[in-house]
Amino acid sequence: MLGVLPGLLALRRAIAEQLQQHDIALLDRLGTYAFAAWNAHLLWLSSGGAENALKPLLTEAAALRENLLGDAEALRRRRPRRR
């Protein structure tokens, strides 16, 4: 969001004209909202939330990967060789 914000603000007048029924002040506050979301994300990352949330997923993914590799190996062994 922060990367495209300058381009959006450059189009402010056109946006306001096209979307007259919408509150243009929301566009004016978009940078504040983006920084607030970024700050919340950084706080969550620094709290260890990312690691805690990913740990069960990684455990499940490792087990699924092992099953898939085993199935693929079994299929490879059963496939007749082509000449």
C-alpha atoms as a PDB file:
ATOM      1  CA  MET A   1       0.000   0.000   0.000  1.00  0.00           C
ATOM      2  CA  LEU A   2       2.731   2.429   0.934  1.00  0.00           C
ATOM      3  CA  GLY A   3       4.365   1.877  -2.445  1.00  0.00           C
ATOM      4  CA  VAL A   4       1.294   2.858  -4.458  1.00  0.00           C
ATOM      5  CA  LEU A   5       0.072   5.616  -2.137  1.00  0.00           C
ATOM      6  CA  PRO A   6       1.867   8.473  -3.955  1.00  0.00           C
ATOM      7  CA  GLY A   7       0.304   7.395  -7.250  1.00  0.00           C
ATOM      8  CA  LEU A   8      -3.151   7.231  -5.692  1.00  0.00           C
ATOM      9  CA  LEU A   9      -2.767  10.646  -4.125  1.00  0.00           C
ATOM     10  CA  ALA A  10      -1.719  12.040  -7.521  1.00  0.00           C
ATOM     11  CA  LEU A  11      -5.079  10.786  -8.823  1.00  0.00           C
ATOM     12  CA  ARG A  12      -7.021  12.287  -5.893  1.00  0.00           C
ATOM     13  CA  ARG A  13      -8.977  14.792  -7.984  1.00  0.00           C
ATOM     14  CA  ALA A  14     -10.018  12.165 -10.560  1.00  0.00           C
ATOM     15  CA  ILE A  15     -10.960   9.730  -7.797  1.00  0.00           C
ATOM     16  CA  ALA A  16     -13.048  12.380  -6.048  1.00  0.00           C
ATOM     17  CA  GLU A  17     -14.852  13.230  -9.307  1.00  0.00           C
ATOM     18  CA  GLN A  18     -15.594   9.593 -10.162  1.00  0.00           C
ATOM     19  CA  LEU A  19     -16.624   8.563  -6.686  1.00  0.00           C
ATOM     20  CA  GLN A  20     -18.653  11.558  -5.551  1.00  0.00           C
ATOM     21  CA  GLN A  21     -20.881   9.466  -3.299  1.00  0.00           C
ATOM     22  CA  HIS A  22     -17.848   8.199  -1.333  1.00  0.00           C
ATOM     23  CA  ASP A  23     -16.032  10.006   1.465  1.00  0.00           C
ATOM     24  CA  ILE A  24     -12.782  11.270  -0.109  1.00  0.00           C
ATOM     25  CA  ALA A  25     -11.358  11.761   3.399  1.00  0.00           C
ATOM     26  CA  LEU A  26     -10.866   7.983   3.503  1.00  0.00           C
ATOM     27  CA  LEU A  27      -8.320   8.336   0.699  1.00  0.00           C
ATOM     28  CA  ASP A  28      -6.647  11.167   2.576  1.00  0.00           C
ATOM     29  CA  ARG A  29      -6.235   8.906   5.619  1.00  0.00           C
ATOM     30  CA  LEU A  30      -5.059   5.877   3.641  1.00  0.00           C
ATOM     31  CA  GLY A  31      -1.400   6.506   4.495  1.00  0.00           C
ATOM     32  CA  THR A  32      -2.223   6.599   8.206  1.00  0.00           C
ATOM     33  CA  TYR A  33      -4.166   3.340   7.903  1.00  0.00           C
ATOM     34  CA  ALA A  34      -1.310   1.682   6.005  1.00  0.00           C
ATOM     35  CA  PHE A  35       1.263   2.728   8.610  1.00  0.00           C
ATOM     36  CA  ALA A  36      -1.022   1.539  11.416  1.00  0.00           C
ATOM     37  CA  ALA A  37      -1.420  -1.865   9.750  1.00  0.00           C
ATOM     38  CA  TRP A  38       2.324  -2.096   9.180  1.00  0.00           C
ATOM     39  CA  ASN A  39       3.007  -1.197  12.805  1.00  0.00           C
ATOM     40  CA  ALA A  40       0.545  -3.829  14.039  1.00  0.00           C
ATOM     41  CA  HIS A  41       2.188  -6.406  11.781  1.00  0.00           C
ATOM     42  CA  LEU A  42       5.669  -5.556  13.094  1.00  0.00           C
ATOM     43  CA  LEU A  43       4.450  -5.750  16.694  1.00  0.00           C
ATOM     44  CA  TRP A  44       2.937  -9.167  16.006  1.00  0.00           C
ATOM     45  CA  LEU A  45       6.158 -10.406  14.403  1.00  0.00           C
ATOM     46  CA  SER A  46       8.297  -9.155  17.283  1.00  0.00           C
ATOM     47  CA  SER A  47       6.004 -10.824  19.834  1.00  0.00           C
ATOM     48  CA  GLY A  48       6.839 -14.242  18.435  1.00  0.00           C
ATOM     49  CA  GLY A  49       3.338 -14.557  17.038  1.00  0.00           C
ATOM     50  CA  ALA A  50       4.594 -15.610  13.615  1.00  0.00           C
ATOM     51  CA  GLU A  51       6.712 -18.412  15.040  1.00  0.00           C
ATOM     52  CA  ASN A  52       3.947 -19.599  17.350  1.00  0.00           C
ATOM     53  CA  ALA A  53       1.358 -19.555  14.549  1.00  0.00           C
ATOM     54  CA  LEU A  54       3.599 -21.379  12.078  1.00  0.00           C
ATOM     55  CA  LYS A  55       4.874 -24.155  14.321  1.00  0.00           C
ATOM     56  CA  PRO A  56       1.754 -26.394  14.102  1.00  0.00           C
ATOM     57  CA  LEU A  57       1.470 -25.750  10.360  1.00  0.00           C
ATOM     58  CA  LEU A  58       5.095 -26.727   9.785  1.00  0.00           C
ATOM     59  CA  THR A  59       4.630 -29.920  11.786  1.00  0.00           C
ATOM     60  CA  GLU A  60       1.582 -30.857   9.724  1.00  0.00           C
ATOM     61  CA  ALA A  61       3.304 -29.892   6.463  1.00  0.00           C
ATOM     62  CA  ALA A  62       6.327 -32.081   7.259  1.00  0.00           C
ATOM     63  CA  ALA A  63       4.101 -35.116   7.825  1.00  0.00           C
ATOM     64  CA  LEU A  64       2.152 -34.454   4.610  1.00  0.00           C
ATOM     65  CA  ARG A  65       5.399 -34.042   2.676  1.00  0.00           C
ATOM     66  CA  GLU A  66       6.672 -37.392   3.918  1.00  0.00           C
ATOM     67  CA  ASN A  67       3.423 -39.090   2.836  1.00  0.00           C
ATOM     68  CA  LEU A  68       3.519 -37.484  -0.591  1.00  0.00           C
ATOM     69  CA  LEU A  69       7.164 -38.447  -1.145  1.00  0.00           C
ATOM     70  CA  GLY A  70       6.413 -42.012  -0.094  1.00  0.00           C
ATOM     71  CA  ASP A  71       3.429 -42.199  -2.448  1.00  0.00           C
ATOM     72  CA  ALA A  72       5.449 -40.740  -5.316  1.00  0.00           C
ATOM     73  CA  GLU A  73       8.230 -43.250  -4.735  1.00  0.00           C
ATOM     74  CA  ALA A  74       5.733 -46.149  -4.706  1.00  0.00           C
ATOM     75  CA  LEU A  75       4.189 -44.927  -7.973  1.00  0.00           C
ATOM     76  CA  ARG A  76       7.623 -44.625  -9.555  1.00  0.00           C
ATOM     77  CA  ARG A  77       8.451 -48.215  -8.615  1.00  0.00           C
ATOM     78  CA  ARG A  78       5.141 -49.559  -9.992  1.00  0.00           C
ATOM     79  CA  ARG A  79       5.281 -47.692 -13.301  1.00  0.00           C
ATOM     80  CA  PRO A  80       6.289 -49.950 -16.180  1.00  0.00           C
ATOM     81  CA  ARG A  81       9.450 -48.900 -17.934  1.00  0.00           C
ATOM     82  CA  ARG A  82       9.061 -47.547 -21.440  1.00  0.00           C
ATOM     83  CA  ARG A  83      11.314 -48.604 -24.263  1.00  0.00           C
END
